Amino acid sequence: MGIVLVLVGVFALYGTFFKPSFYWENRKARRLRNLIGDKATSVVYYIIGMVAVVIGLLGMLNIIPFN
């Protein structure tokens, strides 16, 4: 479970930084971008990505049990 969260977080960070069209033009991303703007959407996605990576790493180190 930890590795999956790390991969999801890295994907979110990659997609937010490079903004490929399949990620940044997604229906849900576009809706959030229209609602709060591009910069705020980037911040939200960066936070989600970082949280996923940190929780995944903590799970891989058995600091947070995923039972």
C-alpha atoms as a PDB file:
ATOM      1  CA  MET A   1       0.000   0.000   0.000  1.00  0.00           C
ATOM      2  CA  GLY A   2       2.854   2.370   0.777  1.00  0.00           C
ATOM      3  CA  ILE A   3       4.463   2.045  -2.634  1.00  0.00           C
ATOM      4  CA  VAL A   4       1.111   2.695  -4.321  1.00  0.00           C
ATOM      5  CA  LEU A   5       0.687   5.942  -2.395  1.00  0.00           C
ATOM      6  CA  VAL A   6       4.227   7.011  -3.256  1.00  0.00           C
ATOM      7  CA  LEU A   7       3.606   6.320  -6.944  1.00  0.00           C
ATOM      8  CA  VAL A   8       0.269   8.151  -6.896  1.00  0.00           C
ATOM      9  CA  GLY A   9       1.905  11.099  -5.160  1.00  0.00           C
ATOM     10  CA  VAL A  10       4.805  11.202  -7.617  1.00  0.00           C
ATOM     11  CA  PHE A  11       2.332  11.045 -10.510  1.00  0.00           C
ATOM     12  CA  ALA A  12       0.330  13.938  -9.019  1.00  0.00           C
ATOM     13  CA  LEU A  13       3.498  15.994  -8.559  1.00  0.00           C
ATOM     14  CA  TYR A  14       4.712  15.179 -12.081  1.00  0.00           C
ATOM     15  CA  GLY A  15       1.332  16.002 -13.613  1.00  0.00           C
ATOM     16  CA  THR A  16       1.086  19.268 -11.741  1.00  0.00           C
ATOM     17  CA  PHE A  17       4.624  20.382 -12.559  1.00  0.00           C
ATOM     18  CA  PHE A  18       4.680  19.468 -16.256  1.00  0.00           C
ATOM     19  CA  LYS A  19       0.922  19.882 -16.892  1.00  0.00           C
ATOM     20  CA  PRO A  20       0.498  17.301 -19.675  1.00  0.00           C
ATOM     21  CA  SER A  21      -2.850  17.706 -21.422  1.00  0.00           C
ATOM     22  CA  PHE A  22      -4.216  14.304 -20.363  1.00  0.00           C
ATOM     23  CA  TYR A  23      -3.754  15.378 -16.743  1.00  0.00           C
ATOM     24  CA  TRP A  24      -4.283  19.125 -16.733  1.00  0.00           C
ATOM     25  CA  GLU A  25      -7.212  19.134 -19.187  1.00  0.00           C
ATOM     26  CA  ASN A  26      -9.026  16.334 -17.348  1.00  0.00           C
ATOM     27  CA  ARG A  27     -12.686  17.110 -16.629  1.00  0.00           C
ATOM     28  CA  LYS A  28     -12.180  17.245 -12.844  1.00  0.00           C
ATOM     29  CA  ALA A  29      -8.993  19.289 -13.098  1.00  0.00           C
ATOM     30  CA  ARG A  30     -10.634  21.727 -15.489  1.00  0.00           C
ATOM     31  CA  ARG A  31     -13.616  22.133 -13.151  1.00  0.00           C
ATOM     32  CA  LEU A  32     -11.328  22.909 -10.207  1.00  0.00           C
ATOM     33  CA  ARG A  33      -9.237  25.267 -12.368  1.00  0.00           C
ATOM     34  CA  ASN A  34     -12.387  27.146 -13.413  1.00  0.00           C
ATOM     35  CA  LEU A  35     -13.527  27.325  -9.786  1.00  0.00           C
ATOM     36  CA  ILE A  36     -10.335  28.470  -8.029  1.00  0.00           C
ATOM     37  CA  GLY A  37      -7.850  29.273 -10.801  1.00  0.00           C
ATOM     38  CA  ASP A  38      -4.693  27.629 -12.155  1.00  0.00           C
ATOM     39  CA  LYS A  39      -2.314  28.662  -9.365  1.00  0.00           C
ATOM     40  CA  ALA A  40      -4.608  27.554  -6.552  1.00  0.00           C
ATOM     41  CA  THR A  41      -5.319  24.278  -8.347  1.00  0.00           C
ATOM     42  CA  SER A  42      -1.589  23.677  -8.651  1.00  0.00           C
ATOM     43  CA  VAL A  43      -1.158  24.295  -4.927  1.00  0.00           C
ATOM     44  CA  VAL A  44      -3.975  21.855  -4.114  1.00  0.00           C
ATOM     45  CA  TYR A  45      -2.487  19.165  -6.361  1.00  0.00           C
ATOM     46  CA  TYR A  46       1.023  19.740  -4.988  1.00  0.00           C
ATOM     47  CA  ILE A  47      -0.305  19.320  -1.447  1.00  0.00           C
ATOM     48  CA  ILE A  48      -2.188  16.150  -2.397  1.00  0.00           C
ATOM     49  CA  GLY A  49       0.924  14.753  -4.080  1.00  0.00           C
ATOM     50  CA  MET A  50       3.212  15.558  -1.157  1.00  0.00           C
ATOM     51  CA  VAL A  51       0.797  14.148   1.407  1.00  0.00           C
ATOM     52  CA  ALA A  52       0.448  10.924  -0.586  1.00  0.00           C
ATOM     53  CA  VAL A  53       4.241  10.568  -0.875  1.00  0.00           C
ATOM     54  CA  VAL A  54       4.815  11.230   2.832  1.00  0.00           C
ATOM     55  CA  ILE A  55       2.088   8.838   3.976  1.00  0.00           C
ATOM     56  CA  GLY A  56       3.344   6.211   1.538  1.00  0.00           C
ATOM     57  CA  LEU A  57       6.914   6.546   2.793  1.00  0.00           C
ATOM     58  CA  LEU A  58       5.796   6.414   6.402  1.00  0.00           C
ATOM     59  CA  GLY A  59       3.830   3.272   5.605  1.00  0.00           C
ATOM     60  CA  MET A  60       6.804   1.693   3.854  1.00  0.00           C
ATOM     61  CA  LEU A  61       8.926   2.409   6.936  1.00  0.00           C
ATOM     62  CA  ASN A  62       6.211   0.831   9.152  1.00  0.00           C
ATOM     63  CA  ILE A  63       5.724   4.066  11.048  1.00  0.00           C
ATOM     64  CA  ILE A  64       2.091   4.057   9.941  1.00  0.00           C
ATOM     65  CA  PRO A  65       0.601   0.548   9.824  1.00  0.00           C
ATOM     66  CA  PHE A  66      -1.622  -0.204   6.824  1.00  0.00           C
ATOM     67  CA  ASN A  67      -3.561  -3.149   8.239  1.00  0.00           C
END
